[in-house]
Amino acid sequence: FMTKAVVSTQSTGVETYFHEFGHAMHQICSQAEHALFAGTSVERDFVEAPSQMLENWCWEPESLKLMSGHYKDGSAIPEELLAKLVASKAANVATTTCRQLVFGMFDQDIHTRESADTAACFSAAHEKVMGNPAPAGTNFAAQFGHMAGGYDAQYYGYMWSEVYSDDMFQTVFKDAGVLSQEAGLKYRTCILQPGGSIDAFDMLRNMLGREPNSEAFFKAKGFAV
């Protein structure tokens, strides 16, 4: 993370790596009896939970210390700088959350019509959520790969899954510690191993010991709950 006297700006890349590795672990740890239900073959509005779950390890001091060091001597990040890095997770959280809402609303809009002007639909969703239309002459949808990659009419699943991942992380790992073997084994057994052979809501109940809720999600976004 550190080059010279500054923190590297590649934290987003690290988070993306952990996100995709979360999908990989979902596949690797799967023990579903039938390949049809193995790994990421779960409900589309749950499939992003294991990947978004692993992103949390990019923002916890305990794990950050293990994956970082000074570029010359490998010395640890100073505590003050580490605290600032962790706090930066909340930077622009309102904007990034609204951005996901725009994508989800746009997706639902164009998939509930017989035909759609995608540029106009996206601009309308952008204005409704962000307060201003998309830049004139642009058509974001033309490069929105998720709309042709299996997430069509299901993009809302990213935020839906985040509610579940936040609930699991806050409930099981936050107190036990991100390096807790017991917590990790529980997560592996309850969530990763079954794949799609168990309904996602039942897996969550097994993991949490209760019904899932959105409190952790709102807390992660900075709301008082």
Protein backbone atom coordinates (compact mmCIF):
# COMPACT_ATOMS: atom_id res chain seq x y z
CA PHE A 1 0.00 0.00 0.00
CA MET A 2 2.84 2.43 0.68
CA THR A 3 5.12 4.11 -1.83
CA LYS A 4 7.51 6.77 -0.50
CA ALA A 5 5.59 8.73 2.12
CA VAL A 6 2.11 8.30 0.75
CA VAL A 7 -0.54 5.60 0.67
CA SER A 8 -1.03 3.94 -2.69
CA THR A 9 -4.23 4.89 -4.47
CA GLN A 10 -4.86 1.31 -5.56
CA SER A 11 -7.23 0.40 -2.69
CA THR A 12 -10.11 0.15 -5.19
CA GLY A 13 -8.15 -2.45 -7.16
CA VAL A 14 -7.49 -4.42 -3.99
CA GLU A 15 -11.18 -4.33 -3.12
CA THR A 16 -12.08 -5.57 -6.61
CA TYR A 17 -9.57 -8.39 -6.26
CA PHE A 18 -11.14 -9.46 -2.97
CA HIS A 19 -14.61 -9.18 -4.49
CA GLU A 20 -13.78 -11.52 -7.35
CA PHE A 21 -11.85 -13.82 -5.03
CA GLY A 22 -15.04 -14.09 -2.98
CA HIS A 23 -16.70 -15.62 -6.04
CA ALA A 24 -13.72 -17.95 -6.48
CA MET A 25 -13.96 -19.13 -2.87
CA HIS A 26 -17.68 -19.76 -3.36
CA GLN A 27 -16.74 -22.18 -6.15
CA ILE A 28 -13.72 -23.75 -4.45
CA CYS A 29 -15.48 -24.43 -1.14
CA SER A 30 -18.67 -25.76 -2.65
CA GLN A 31 -19.63 -29.31 -1.72
CA ALA A 32 -23.03 -29.46 -3.38
CA GLU A 33 -23.91 -32.99 -4.49
CA HIS A 34 -24.95 -31.92 -7.98
CA ALA A 35 -22.96 -29.62 -10.28
CA LEU A 36 -26.17 -27.76 -11.14
CA PHE A 37 -26.18 -26.34 -7.59
CA ALA A 38 -22.43 -25.94 -7.07
CA GLY A 39 -20.73 -22.74 -5.98
CA THR A 40 -22.23 -19.58 -7.43
CA SER A 41 -25.30 -21.39 -8.76
CA VAL A 42 -27.48 -19.64 -6.23
CA GLU A 43 -30.27 -17.08 -6.48
CA ARG A 44 -29.19 -14.07 -8.51
CA ASP A 45 -30.09 -11.72 -5.66
CA PHE A 46 -27.77 -13.65 -3.33
CA VAL A 47 -24.83 -14.52 -5.60
CA GLU A 48 -23.01 -11.25 -4.85
CA ALA A 49 -23.19 -11.75 -1.07
CA PRO A 50 -20.03 -13.92 -0.78
CA SER A 51 -18.07 -11.58 -3.05
CA GLN A 52 -19.16 -8.40 -1.28
CA MET A 53 -18.61 -10.18 2.01
CA LEU A 54 -14.90 -10.59 1.29
CA GLU A 55 -14.52 -6.88 0.50
CA ASN A 56 -14.77 -6.21 4.24
CA TRP A 57 -11.30 -7.67 4.76
CA CYS A 58 -9.89 -4.71 2.82
CA TRP A 59 -11.08 -2.31 5.49
CA GLU A 60 -10.26 -4.01 8.79
CA PRO A 61 -6.99 -3.07 10.57
CA GLU A 62 -6.25 -6.70 11.49
CA SER A 63 -6.27 -7.89 7.89
CA LEU A 64 -4.83 -4.69 6.39
CA LYS A 65 -1.69 -5.09 8.47
CA LEU A 66 -1.14 -8.53 6.95
CA MET A 67 -1.38 -7.37 3.35
CA SER A 68 0.55 -4.13 3.48
CA GLY A 69 3.91 -2.63 4.29
CA HIS A 70 6.40 0.05 3.34
CA TYR A 71 7.71 -0.41 -0.18
CA LYS A 72 11.33 -0.35 1.01
CA ASP A 73 11.60 -2.01 4.39
CA GLY A 74 8.21 -3.70 4.81
CA SER A 75 7.45 -1.79 8.00
CA ALA A 76 3.83 -1.58 9.07
CA ILE A 77 1.51 1.31 8.25
CA PRO A 78 1.52 3.84 11.13
CA GLU A 79 -1.62 3.54 13.25
CA GLU A 80 -2.72 7.09 12.45
CA LEU A 81 -2.47 6.48 8.71
CA LEU A 82 -4.17 3.10 9.06
CA ALA A 83 -7.09 4.74 10.86
CA LYS A 84 -7.45 7.27 8.04
CA LEU A 85 -7.41 4.49 5.46
CA VAL A 86 -10.16 2.60 7.27
CA ALA A 87 -12.21 5.77 7.67
CA SER A 88 -11.92 6.48 3.93
CA LYS A 89 -14.29 3.58 3.27
CA ALA A 90 -17.14 5.95 4.09
CA ALA A 91 -15.99 8.59 1.61
CA ASN A 92 -18.69 9.37 -0.95
CA VAL A 93 -20.80 6.45 0.29
CA ALA A 94 -24.02 8.34 -0.49
CA THR A 95 -22.97 8.88 -4.10
CA THR A 96 -21.88 5.29 -4.67
CA THR A 97 -25.08 3.97 -3.08
CA CYS A 98 -27.24 6.24 -5.22
CA ARG A 99 -25.28 5.15 -8.28
CA GLN A 100 -26.25 1.53 -7.59
CA LEU A 101 -29.87 2.64 -7.20
CA VAL A 102 -29.73 4.33 -10.59
CA PHE A 103 -28.42 1.15 -12.22
CA GLY A 104 -31.06 -1.01 -10.57
CA MET A 105 -33.93 1.32 -11.43
CA PHE A 106 -32.75 1.68 -15.01
CA ASP A 107 -32.51 -2.10 -15.34
CA GLN A 108 -36.05 -2.63 -14.07
CA ASP A 109 -37.37 0.16 -16.29
CA ILE A 110 -36.05 -1.14 -19.60
CA HIS A 111 -37.05 -4.71 -18.78
CA THR A 112 -40.67 -3.81 -18.09
CA ARG A 113 -41.20 -2.23 -21.52
CA GLU A 114 -41.69 -3.72 -24.95
CA SER A 115 -39.06 -1.33 -26.27
CA ALA A 116 -36.94 1.38 -24.71
CA ASP A 117 -34.78 4.36 -25.53
CA THR A 118 -31.96 3.33 -23.21
CA ALA A 119 -30.27 6.75 -23.20
CA ALA A 120 -33.52 8.47 -22.21
CA CYS A 121 -34.38 5.83 -19.60
CA PHE A 122 -30.96 6.04 -17.99
CA SER A 123 -31.04 9.82 -17.94
CA ALA A 124 -34.47 9.77 -16.31
CA ALA A 125 -33.33 7.34 -13.61
CA HIS A 126 -30.21 9.42 -13.04
CA GLU A 127 -32.24 12.60 -12.63
CA LYS A 128 -34.74 10.94 -10.29
CA VAL A 129 -32.03 9.68 -7.93
CA MET A 130 -29.14 12.09 -8.40
CA GLY A 131 -31.14 15.25 -9.07
CA ASN A 132 -29.67 15.86 -12.51
CA PRO A 133 -29.92 14.09 -15.87
CA ALA A 134 -27.06 12.14 -17.44
CA PRO A 135 -24.68 14.29 -19.53
CA ALA A 136 -26.24 15.21 -22.87
CA GLY A 137 -25.18 13.12 -25.83
CA THR A 138 -24.15 10.12 -23.73
CA ASN A 139 -25.61 6.63 -23.48
CA PHE A 140 -24.15 4.79 -20.51
CA ALA A 141 -26.25 1.73 -21.29
CA ALA A 142 -24.23 1.13 -24.47
CA GLN A 143 -21.34 -0.11 -22.32
CA PHE A 144 -23.31 -1.47 -19.34
CA GLY A 145 -22.12 -5.05 -19.78
CA HIS A 146 -24.21 -6.45 -16.94
CA MET A 147 -27.35 -5.91 -19.04
CA ALA A 148 -26.11 -8.55 -21.49
CA GLY A 149 -24.21 -10.72 -19.05
CA GLY A 150 -26.84 -12.42 -16.96
CA TYR A 151 -27.88 -9.55 -14.71
CA ASP A 152 -30.62 -8.24 -16.97
CA ALA A 153 -33.71 -7.46 -14.85
CA GLN A 154 -31.69 -8.61 -11.84
CA TYR A 155 -29.10 -5.91 -11.24
CA TYR A 156 -30.87 -4.95 -8.02
CA GLY A 157 -29.29 -8.13 -6.64
CA TYR A 158 -26.02 -6.28 -5.97
CA MET A 159 -27.58 -4.07 -3.32
CA TRP A 160 -29.90 -6.85 -2.12
CA SER A 161 -26.87 -9.08 -1.61
CA GLU A 162 -25.01 -6.30 0.19
CA VAL A 163 -27.73 -6.22 2.83
CA TYR A 164 -27.06 -9.89 3.50
CA SER A 165 -23.26 -9.63 3.40
CA ASP A 166 -23.26 -6.71 5.84
CA ASP A 167 -25.56 -8.61 8.18
CA MET A 168 -23.33 -11.70 8.12
CA PHE A 169 -20.12 -9.74 8.59
CA GLN A 170 -21.38 -7.57 11.44
CA THR A 171 -23.06 -10.48 13.21
CA VAL A 172 -20.44 -13.20 12.87
CA PHE A 173 -17.05 -11.62 12.13
CA LYS A 174 -17.04 -8.13 13.62
CA ASP A 175 -16.88 -9.28 17.24
CA ALA A 176 -15.06 -12.57 16.70
CA GLY A 177 -12.41 -10.97 14.50
CA VAL A 178 -11.82 -11.24 10.77
CA LEU A 179 -9.18 -13.92 11.34
CA SER A 180 -11.36 -16.05 13.62
CA GLN A 181 -11.10 -19.68 12.54
CA GLU A 182 -14.41 -20.49 14.22
CA ALA A 183 -16.25 -17.69 12.44
CA GLY A 184 -14.62 -18.59 9.14
CA LEU A 185 -15.58 -22.23 9.44
CA LYS A 186 -19.16 -21.29 10.25
CA TYR A 187 -19.30 -19.09 7.16
CA ARG A 188 -17.77 -21.80 5.00
CA THR A 189 -20.15 -24.46 6.30
CA CYS A 190 -23.34 -22.42 6.25
CA ILE A 191 -22.86 -20.29 3.14
CA LEU A 192 -20.09 -21.49 0.84
CA GLN A 193 -20.41 -25.27 1.00
CA PRO A 194 -24.11 -25.68 0.10
CA GLY A 195 -23.98 -23.63 -3.11
CA GLY A 196 -27.53 -23.51 -4.39
CA SER A 197 -28.59 -26.80 -2.83
CA ILE A 198 -30.18 -24.87 0.07
CA ASP A 199 -32.38 -21.81 -0.29
CA ALA A 200 -30.36 -18.65 0.38
CA PHE A 201 -32.73 -17.46 3.06
CA ASP A 202 -32.34 -20.76 4.92
CA MET A 203 -28.55 -20.51 4.65
CA LEU A 204 -28.73 -17.05 6.15
CA ARG A 205 -30.88 -18.26 9.03
CA ASN A 206 -28.36 -21.05 9.68
CA MET A 207 -25.50 -18.56 9.64
CA LEU A 208 -27.11 -15.82 11.71
CA GLY A 209 -29.27 -17.87 14.04
CA ARG A 210 -32.16 -15.51 13.27
CA GLU A 211 -33.99 -13.82 10.42
CA PRO A 212 -31.70 -11.54 8.37
CA ASN A 213 -32.34 -7.79 8.57
CA SER A 214 -31.04 -4.54 7.11
CA GLU A 215 -29.66 -2.91 10.28
CA ALA A 216 -26.02 -3.68 9.49
CA PHE A 217 -26.48 -2.40 5.94
CA PHE A 218 -27.76 0.97 7.13
CA LYS A 219 -25.05 1.14 9.78
CA ALA A 220 -22.41 0.55 7.12
CA LYS A 221 -23.86 3.46 5.13
CA GLY A 222 -23.57 5.77 8.14
CA PHE A 223 -27.18 5.77 9.33
CA ALA A 224 -27.99 5.57 13.02
CA VAL A 225 -30.03 2.42 13.69
